[in-house]
Protein backbone atom coordinates (compact mmCIF):
# COMPACT_ATOMS: atom_id res chain seq x y z
CA MET A 1 177.73 70.35 -6.20
CA PRO A 2 175.30 68.77 -3.69
CA PRO A 3 171.59 69.16 -4.41
CA PRO A 4 169.83 71.95 -2.52
CA THR A 5 168.12 70.96 0.71
CA GLU A 6 164.47 71.76 1.47
CA ALA A 7 165.60 74.34 4.04
CA GLY A 8 167.93 75.94 1.52
CA ALA A 9 165.21 76.08 -1.11
CA ALA A 10 162.81 77.68 1.38
CA ALA A 11 165.45 80.23 2.34
CA ALA A 12 165.94 81.12 -1.30
CA VAL A 13 162.22 81.56 -1.88
CA ARG A 14 161.57 83.63 1.27
CA PRO A 15 163.13 86.93 0.13
CA ARG A 16 161.17 86.81 -3.12
CA ALA A 17 157.92 86.10 -1.25
CA GLU A 18 158.62 88.93 1.18
CA ALA A 19 159.42 91.37 -1.61
CA LEU A 20 156.23 90.38 -3.43
CA ALA A 21 154.14 90.78 -0.25
CA LEU A 22 155.57 94.23 0.44
CA GLY A 23 155.01 95.31 -3.17
CA LEU A 24 151.39 94.20 -3.09
CA TYR A 25 150.87 95.90 0.28
CA ARG A 26 152.36 99.18 -0.95
CA GLY A 27 150.23 99.11 -4.07
CA LEU A 28 147.05 98.42 -2.10
CA SER A 29 147.79 101.10 0.48
CA THR A 30 148.32 103.63 -2.33
CA LEU A 31 145.00 102.69 -3.92
CA LEU A 32 143.18 103.00 -0.58
CA ALA A 33 144.48 106.49 0.26
CA PRO A 34 141.27 108.21 -1.00
CA ALA A 35 139.25 105.97 1.32
CA LEU A 36 141.29 107.27 4.25
CA ARG A 37 140.33 110.85 3.37
CA ALA A 38 136.67 109.84 3.35
CA ARG A 39 137.01 108.08 6.70
CA LEU A 40 138.71 111.09 8.28
CA ALA A 41 135.92 113.36 7.03
CA TRP A 42 133.33 110.99 8.52
CA ARG A 43 135.11 110.75 11.88
CA GLY A 44 135.59 114.52 11.89
CA ARG A 45 131.84 115.09 12.08
CA VAL A 46 131.88 113.85 15.68
CA GLU A 47 135.55 114.47 16.60
CA PRO A 48 136.76 117.69 14.94
CA GLY A 49 140.34 116.79 15.74
CA TYR A 50 140.33 114.39 12.79
CA ARG A 51 139.88 117.34 10.44
CA GLN A 52 143.05 118.97 11.75
CA ALA A 53 146.16 118.98 9.51
CA VAL A 54 144.84 116.24 7.20
CA GLY A 55 147.72 116.86 4.79
CA GLU A 56 150.12 115.44 7.39
CA ARG A 57 148.47 112.05 6.98
CA PHE A 58 149.88 112.06 3.45
CA GLY A 59 153.27 113.59 4.19
CA PHE A 60 152.49 117.24 3.41
CA TYR A 61 153.37 119.84 6.05
CA ASP A 62 152.54 123.52 6.40
CA LYS A 63 155.32 124.11 8.95
CA PRO A 64 159.11 124.20 8.55
CA PRO A 65 160.89 120.88 9.11
CA PRO A 66 162.58 120.19 12.43
CA ALA A 67 166.32 120.62 12.67
CA PRO A 68 167.97 117.28 11.86
CA GLY A 69 168.64 114.91 14.73
CA ALA A 70 165.39 114.94 16.69
CA VAL A 71 164.00 111.76 18.24
CA TRP A 72 160.73 110.62 16.70
CA LEU A 73 158.23 108.94 19.06
CA HIS A 74 154.93 107.48 17.86
CA ALA A 75 152.08 107.06 20.35
CA VAL A 76 149.00 106.11 18.38
CA SER A 77 146.21 106.86 20.87
CA LEU A 78 145.44 108.22 24.32
CA GLY A 79 146.68 105.19 26.26
CA GLU A 80 150.01 105.05 24.48
CA THR A 81 150.46 108.81 24.81
CA ARG A 82 149.84 108.65 28.55
CA ALA A 83 152.31 105.75 28.83
CA ALA A 84 154.89 107.80 26.94
CA GLU A 85 154.86 110.62 29.54
CA PRO A 86 157.41 109.06 31.94
CA LEU A 87 159.50 107.87 28.99
CA ILE A 88 159.71 111.40 27.56
CA GLU A 89 160.72 112.71 30.98
CA ALA A 90 163.45 110.07 31.18
CA LEU A 91 164.70 110.80 27.66
CA ARG A 92 165.03 114.48 28.52
CA ALA A 93 166.79 113.67 31.78
CA GLU A 94 169.34 111.58 29.87
CA ASP A 95 169.69 114.13 27.06
CA PRO A 96 168.70 117.69 28.09
CA THR A 97 169.17 118.88 24.48
CA LEU A 98 166.69 116.36 23.10
CA ARG A 99 164.16 117.59 20.56
CA LEU A 100 161.04 115.50 20.04
CA ILE A 101 158.85 114.72 17.06
CA LEU A 102 155.65 113.26 18.52
CA SER A 103 153.27 111.48 16.14
CA HIS A 104 149.79 110.05 16.69
CA GLY A 105 146.99 108.24 14.93
CA THR A 106 143.93 109.37 16.91
CA ALA A 107 142.48 112.72 17.91
CA THR A 108 142.50 111.81 21.62
CA GLY A 109 146.17 110.89 21.44
CA ARG A 110 147.08 114.12 19.68
CA ALA A 111 145.14 116.24 22.17
CA ALA A 112 146.88 114.60 25.12
CA GLY A 113 150.29 114.77 23.44
CA ALA A 114 150.14 118.55 23.01
CA ALA A 115 150.78 118.96 26.75
CA LEU A 116 154.06 117.01 26.47
CA LEU A 117 155.72 119.36 23.98
CA ARG A 118 158.49 121.87 24.68
CA PRO A 119 159.91 124.63 22.50
CA GLY A 120 161.66 123.04 19.54
CA ASP A 121 159.42 119.96 19.56
CA HIS A 122 156.97 119.06 16.78
CA GLN A 123 153.68 117.18 16.75
CA VAL A 124 152.24 115.51 13.64
CA TRP A 125 150.01 112.71 12.46
CA LEU A 126 151.69 109.43 11.56
CA PRO A 127 151.60 109.20 7.76
CA TRP A 128 149.41 106.71 5.94
CA ASP A 129 151.53 103.60 5.37
CA ALA A 130 151.99 104.08 1.63
CA PRO A 131 155.34 104.78 -0.07
CA GLY A 132 154.78 108.46 -0.88
CA PRO A 133 153.51 109.60 2.54
CA VAL A 134 156.13 107.58 4.44
CA ARG A 135 159.04 108.88 2.36
CA ARG A 136 157.85 112.47 2.61
CA PHE A 137 157.46 112.15 6.37
CA LEU A 138 160.95 110.76 6.93
CA ALA A 139 162.49 113.30 4.55
CA TRP A 140 160.73 116.11 6.45
CA ALA A 141 161.41 114.79 9.96
CA ARG A 142 165.07 113.68 9.51
CA PRO A 143 165.18 111.96 12.93
CA ARG A 144 168.23 110.21 14.33
CA GLY A 145 166.05 107.41 15.72
CA GLY A 146 162.47 106.29 16.08
CA LEU A 147 160.44 104.92 18.99
CA LEU A 148 157.13 103.09 18.52
CA MET A 149 154.88 102.52 21.51
CA GLU A 150 153.50 99.05 22.29
CA THR A 151 152.27 97.48 19.02
CA GLU A 152 152.60 99.99 16.17
CA VAL A 153 154.79 98.14 13.64
CA TRP A 154 153.85 99.14 10.07
CA PRO A 155 155.38 97.19 7.15
CA GLY A 156 155.90 100.11 4.76
CA LEU A 157 157.24 102.42 7.44
CA MET A 158 159.72 99.82 8.71
CA ALA A 159 160.93 98.97 5.21
CA GLU A 160 161.64 102.63 4.47
CA ALA A 161 163.31 103.19 7.85
CA GLN A 162 165.54 100.19 7.27
CA ALA A 163 166.47 101.41 3.78
CA ARG A 164 167.55 104.74 5.31
CA GLY A 165 169.50 103.11 8.14
CA LEU A 166 167.18 104.63 10.73
CA PRO A 167 167.16 102.68 14.03
CA VAL A 168 163.59 102.15 15.27
CA TRP A 169 162.66 100.55 18.61
CA LEU A 170 159.38 99.08 19.84
CA LEU A 171 158.95 100.19 23.45
CA ASN A 172 156.59 99.01 26.17
CA ALA A 173 156.14 96.25 23.65
CA ARG A 174 153.37 93.71 23.92
CA LEU A 175 152.07 90.97 21.66
CA SER A 176 149.22 88.64 22.57
CA ASP A 177 148.91 85.02 21.50
CA ARG A 178 145.95 86.04 19.39
CA SER A 179 147.94 88.75 17.57
CA LEU A 180 150.87 86.38 17.03
CA ARG A 181 148.61 83.78 15.44
CA ARG A 182 146.99 86.42 13.25
CA GLY A 183 150.39 87.80 12.25
CA ARG A 184 151.62 84.39 11.13
CA ARG A 185 148.95 84.37 8.43
CA PHE A 186 150.71 87.42 6.97
CA GLY A 187 154.23 86.34 7.87
CA ALA A 188 155.73 87.31 4.52
CA LEU A 189 154.66 90.90 5.21
CA LEU A 190 154.94 91.27 8.99
CA ARG A 191 158.02 89.19 9.74
CA PRO A 192 160.37 91.51 7.79
CA ALA A 193 158.80 94.50 9.57
CA HIS A 194 159.56 92.99 12.97
CA ARG A 195 163.00 91.91 11.79
CA ALA A 196 163.78 95.50 10.80
CA LEU A 197 163.38 96.77 14.37
CA ALA A 198 166.57 97.75 16.17
CA GLY A 199 165.05 96.04 19.19
CA ALA A 200 162.04 95.69 21.43
CA LEU A 201 161.74 96.36 25.17
CA ALA A 202 158.89 94.12 26.28
CA GLN A 203 156.42 94.35 29.14
CA THR A 204 156.64 90.68 30.18
CA PRO A 205 158.69 87.53 29.43
CA GLU A 206 155.68 86.12 27.61
CA ASP A 207 155.50 89.20 25.38
CA ALA A 208 159.25 88.87 24.74
CA ALA A 209 158.93 85.25 23.63
CA ARG A 210 156.10 86.10 21.26
CA LEU A 211 158.00 89.08 19.82
CA GLN A 212 161.00 86.86 19.13
CA ALA A 213 158.71 84.33 17.46
CA ALA A 214 157.35 87.18 15.32
CA GLY A 215 160.86 87.96 14.06
CA VAL A 216 162.30 90.64 16.38
CA GLY A 217 166.00 89.96 16.78
CA ARG A 218 166.84 91.85 19.98
CA VAL A 219 164.29 91.66 22.80
CA GLU A 220 164.66 92.55 26.48
CA VAL A 221 162.09 92.61 29.27
CA LEU A 222 161.93 95.89 31.20
CA GLY A 223 158.29 96.04 32.33
CA ASN A 224 155.23 98.16 31.70
CA LEU A 225 155.64 101.94 31.56
CA LYS A 226 152.07 102.42 32.72
CA PHE A 227 153.19 101.53 36.24
CA GLU A 228 155.12 104.81 36.25
CA LEU A 229 152.07 107.00 35.68
CA ARG A 230 151.21 109.00 38.77
CA PRO A 231 147.64 110.31 39.13
CA GLU A 232 147.48 114.10 39.35
CA PRO A 233 146.53 115.20 42.88
CA ALA A 234 144.06 117.75 41.47
CA LEU A 235 142.20 115.01 39.60
CA LEU A 236 142.11 112.77 42.66
CA ALA A 237 140.67 115.64 44.70
CA ARG A 238 138.10 116.36 41.99
CA GLY A 239 136.96 112.75 42.08
CA ARG A 240 136.58 112.77 45.85
CA ALA A 241 134.45 115.91 45.56
CA TRP A 242 132.23 114.17 43.01
CA ALA A 243 131.84 111.19 45.34
CA ALA A 244 130.81 113.50 48.19
CA ALA A 245 128.26 115.20 45.94
CA SER A 246 126.82 111.85 44.94
CA GLY A 247 126.05 110.73 48.47
CA LEU A 248 125.90 107.14 47.15
CA PRO A 249 128.79 104.85 46.25
CA LEU A 250 129.60 105.01 42.55
CA LEU A 251 129.87 102.00 40.27
CA LEU A 252 132.12 103.12 37.45
CA PHE A 253 132.08 101.34 34.09
CA ALA A 254 135.52 102.52 32.93
CA SER A 255 136.35 102.75 29.22
CA SER A 256 133.27 100.78 28.21
CA ARG A 257 133.14 99.46 24.66
CA GLU A 258 130.37 98.94 22.12
CA GLY A 259 128.01 96.16 23.17
CA GLU A 260 129.06 96.23 26.82
CA GLU A 261 126.75 99.06 27.87
CA ALA A 262 123.71 97.19 26.51
CA ALA A 263 124.71 94.08 28.46
CA LEU A 264 125.15 96.16 31.60
CA LEU A 265 121.75 97.79 31.07
CA ASP A 266 120.06 94.38 30.92
CA ALA A 267 121.85 93.16 34.04
CA TRP A 268 121.14 96.40 35.91
CA GLN A 269 117.43 96.37 35.08
CA ALA A 270 117.17 92.74 36.21
CA ARG A 271 118.58 93.78 39.61
CA ALA A 272 116.85 97.14 39.94
CA PRO A 273 115.25 96.40 43.35
CA GLN A 274 118.60 95.38 44.91
CA LEU A 275 120.49 98.29 43.33
CA ALA A 276 118.02 101.08 44.07
CA GLY A 277 119.42 103.50 46.64
CA ARG A 278 122.69 101.59 46.99
CA LEU A 279 124.78 102.52 43.94
CA ARG A 280 124.90 105.31 41.41
CA LEU A 281 126.06 104.22 37.95
CA LEU A 282 128.85 106.18 36.25
CA VAL A 283 129.64 105.15 32.65
CA VAL A 284 132.73 106.47 30.85
CA PRO A 285 132.79 105.23 27.22
CA ARG A 286 136.21 104.47 25.75
CA HIS A 287 135.58 106.44 22.53
CA PRO A 288 134.27 110.03 22.63
CA GLN A 289 132.35 109.67 19.36
CA ARG A 290 130.00 107.30 21.26
CA PHE A 291 129.06 109.69 24.07
CA ASP A 292 125.66 110.60 22.62
CA GLU A 293 124.96 107.00 21.59
CA VAL A 294 125.62 105.72 25.10
CA ALA A 295 123.55 108.53 26.65
CA ALA A 296 120.56 107.42 24.55
CA LEU A 297 121.18 103.76 25.37
CA LEU A 298 121.11 104.41 29.13
CA ALA A 299 117.91 106.49 29.01
CA PRO A 300 115.71 103.62 30.36
CA LEU A 301 117.51 103.89 33.71
CA GLY A 302 116.15 107.38 34.30
CA PRO A 303 117.52 110.94 34.19
CA LEU A 304 121.16 111.13 33.17
CA ALA A 305 123.71 113.73 34.30
CA ARG A 306 126.54 114.48 31.88
CA ARG A 307 129.97 115.54 33.12
CA SER A 308 130.27 117.98 30.19
CA ALA A 309 127.47 120.07 31.69
CA TRP A 310 129.25 120.67 35.02
CA GLY A 311 131.88 123.13 33.85
CA ALA A 312 135.64 122.71 33.65
CA GLU A 313 136.24 122.32 37.38
CA GLY A 314 132.70 122.21 38.73
CA LEU A 315 130.63 119.87 40.80
CA PRO A 316 127.37 118.44 39.53
CA PRO A 317 124.46 120.72 40.39
CA PRO A 318 122.08 119.27 43.00
CA GLU A 319 119.56 117.92 40.50
CA ALA A 320 122.33 116.28 38.46
CA ALA A 321 124.05 114.88 41.54
CA GLN A 322 120.95 112.86 42.36
CA ALA A 323 120.46 111.48 38.85
CA PRO A 324 120.58 107.65 38.85
CA VAL A 325 123.17 107.61 36.05
CA TRP A 326 126.17 109.82 35.36
CA LEU A 327 127.89 109.88 31.97
CA GLY A 328 131.59 110.66 31.95
CA ASP A 329 131.69 112.48 28.62
CA SER A 330 135.03 114.23 29.12
CA LEU A 331 138.64 113.55 28.21
CA GLY A 332 141.69 113.49 30.46
CA GLU A 333 139.77 112.89 33.69
CA MET A 334 139.98 109.12 34.10
CA ALA A 335 141.94 109.52 37.34
CA ALA A 336 139.10 111.66 38.70
CA TYR A 337 136.52 109.03 37.72
CA TYR A 338 138.55 106.28 39.40
CA SER A 339 139.05 108.45 42.48
CA ALA A 340 135.30 109.07 42.70
CA ALA A 341 134.49 105.38 42.42
CA GLY A 342 137.25 104.45 44.86
CA ALA A 343 135.67 106.57 47.60
CA GLY A 344 133.36 103.83 48.81
CA GLY A 345 132.46 102.30 45.45
CA LEU A 346 134.26 100.32 42.76
CA ALA A 347 134.79 99.97 39.01
CA LEU A 348 134.18 97.57 36.15
CA LEU A 349 136.91 97.28 33.53
CA GLY A 350 135.72 98.10 30.03
CA GLY A 351 136.74 95.91 27.13
CA SER A 352 137.01 92.89 29.42
CA PHE A 353 133.36 91.82 29.38
CA ALA A 354 133.38 91.44 25.59
CA PRO A 355 136.18 89.68 23.65
CA LEU A 356 138.14 92.92 23.18
CA GLY A 357 141.19 92.31 25.36
CA GLY A 358 140.45 94.81 28.12
CA GLN A 359 141.68 98.32 28.83
CA ASN A 360 144.53 99.51 31.04
CA LEU A 361 143.77 98.48 34.63
CA ILE A 362 146.89 99.95 36.25
CA GLU A 363 145.39 103.44 36.57
CA ALA A 364 142.49 102.11 38.63
CA ALA A 365 144.89 100.51 41.09
CA ALA A 366 147.06 103.63 41.27
CA CYS A 367 143.98 105.68 42.18
CA GLY A 368 142.93 103.24 44.91
CA CYS A 369 139.81 102.02 43.11
CA PRO A 370 138.74 98.37 43.59
CA LEU A 371 138.31 96.74 40.19
CA LEU A 372 136.09 93.98 38.83
CA MET A 373 137.05 92.68 35.41
CA GLY A 374 135.64 90.20 32.96
CA PRO A 375 137.27 87.17 31.33
CA HIS A 376 138.84 89.01 28.36
CA THR A 377 142.07 90.73 29.43
CA TYR A 378 144.56 89.38 26.90
CA ASN A 379 145.88 92.88 26.10
CA PHE A 380 147.04 93.21 29.72
CA ALA A 381 147.23 89.55 30.74
CA ALA A 382 150.21 89.74 33.10
CA ALA A 383 149.04 92.95 34.78
CA ALA A 384 145.54 91.53 35.24
CA GLU A 385 146.80 88.38 36.94
CA ALA A 386 149.22 90.35 39.11
CA ALA A 387 146.48 92.77 40.17
CA CYS A 388 144.28 89.87 41.21
CA ALA A 389 147.14 88.28 43.14
CA ALA A 390 147.78 91.60 44.93
CA GLY A 391 144.12 91.91 45.90
CA ALA A 392 143.54 95.07 43.85
CA ALA A 393 141.24 93.38 41.31
CA GLU A 394 138.94 90.42 40.93
CA ARG A 395 137.83 88.50 37.84
CA LEU A 396 134.18 87.63 37.13
CA PRO A 397 132.71 85.61 34.24
CA ASP A 398 130.23 88.24 33.01
CA LEU A 399 128.46 91.49 33.85
CA PRO A 400 125.57 89.95 35.82
CA ALA A 401 128.10 88.19 38.06
CA ALA A 402 130.06 91.43 38.39
CA LEU A 403 126.97 93.32 39.58
CA ASP A 404 126.21 90.59 42.10
CA ARG A 405 129.80 90.78 43.36
CA ALA A 406 129.59 94.57 43.60
CA LEU A 407 126.53 94.27 45.84
CA ALA A 408 128.29 91.65 47.96
CA LEU A 409 131.32 93.91 48.43
CA LEU A 410 129.09 96.80 49.51
CA ASP A 411 127.86 94.47 52.27
CA ASP A 412 131.48 93.75 53.22
CA PRO A 413 133.10 97.18 53.69
CA ALA A 414 136.27 95.74 55.24
CA THR A 415 137.03 93.69 52.11
CA LEU A 416 136.11 96.59 49.85
CA ALA A 417 138.49 98.89 51.75
CA ALA A 418 141.25 96.29 51.57
CA ARG A 419 140.80 96.07 47.78
CA ALA A 420 141.14 99.85 47.52
CA ALA A 421 144.22 99.95 49.76
CA ALA A 422 145.99 97.16 47.82
CA GLY A 423 146.24 99.07 44.54
CA PRO A 424 148.68 101.97 45.14
CA PRO A 425 151.49 99.90 46.73
CA TRP A 426 151.16 97.26 44.01
CA VAL A 427 151.71 99.95 41.37
CA ALA A 428 154.49 101.71 43.28
CA GLY A 429 156.48 98.48 43.58
CA ARG A 430 156.85 98.21 39.82
CA GLN A 431 158.20 101.63 38.89
CA ALA A 432 161.65 102.84 37.68
CA ILE A 433 161.28 101.43 34.16
CA ALA A 434 161.46 104.56 32.00
CA ARG A 435 165.08 105.41 32.78
CA GLY A 436 166.31 102.00 31.63
CA MET A 437 164.36 102.35 28.39
CA ALA A 438 165.73 105.82 27.73
CA GLN A 439 169.32 104.75 28.33
CA ARG A 440 169.11 101.76 26.01
CA VAL A 441 167.54 103.48 23.05
CA LEU A 442 169.61 106.66 23.19
CA ALA A 443 172.80 104.58 23.30
CA SER A 444 171.79 102.95 20.02
CA PHE A 445 171.13 106.22 18.18
CA PRO A 446 173.84 108.08 16.25
CA ASP A 447 175.65 110.65 18.39
CA ASP A 448 175.66 113.23 15.61
CA LYS A 449 172.46 115.30 15.97
CA THR A 450 173.10 117.40 12.88
């Protein structure tokens, strides 16, 4: 018998290393379950949604199980839930009898997901990735297939799904270079999880290549579902009414993240003489638990008007309309904020002026809002470059440069209007993705729904 080669020896060791890594991970996740309860209680002080149905996080349900054969779709947060809207429509168009189990990880995602449900559907929290919660969830849900949005690949969940023969897809899939490098440090744990996927439908060729390098066997590029989101006309009209009430162009800081507001405050104060009477600042923090914190941070700029004080459909009262700073402390109205800023003003992309990867920029373009973004857009790298090439967005090195560019664009209304007009057709030209996704995943699921 020939001696074993180095490759053969490595192949023999790999399954043992992967089994050991998964065992250690499962043990640690079980030990940390009490810490999750404490974290949920802490988050629930600011966002009551985190106190809702806590037992579901651990696989305990106070409602009857769904009939076997539903499709389980996991959309962790608000952005993924919004992106799932056209996919859910396409799934139902392909299979009118489809029943949905919609799971989430954040309170904002769950709140948005409630509007997507139909009779016979269920909505739950994704279980904590420990053996007991995961097994109880899958035993309760009894789905015929699973769909994970964008990046949500959990080692324990995938191992249990594979053991049960449950096909699970990663849809609208993306993976940055940074995440791939980080994942390689835990390859013995994460590679089997990616390998267990039935497939991944990626946003870009670059995402596809990285997903294959991470271990996904079947990968296809279909595009980004977020191009299929259509702003609600009522929200666009609401935003235009806000812009009219302002009387000044609005500079929107959209989905701002921790640390960015302070940097903007410094840059704004340094340019106060140039900005006075030319722009009204509108800040919409990414996370609702930071609304009060950001309100206090912006106090040096003068009186602040909060959207939450205007009523469900209302306009800002006259004294609020003239406040130098508006705070967008509401959920589900980002299209209205972009519409308001697009009516003669522009927006800054949150998460891109700190090394956080940026937020979704497609909605700004769809609403006709010119966009200035910082250097950090690795979460949406292809979309960011394409938006710049289309003229719907522009990249700046930092917030001071972005404010200077905003002032320059106000002095050049023709260019500003061209930026606004470039966004909607750029988005519209990249639609019709959801149907292809729905067809591929449903074809891979068992036909028997019972």
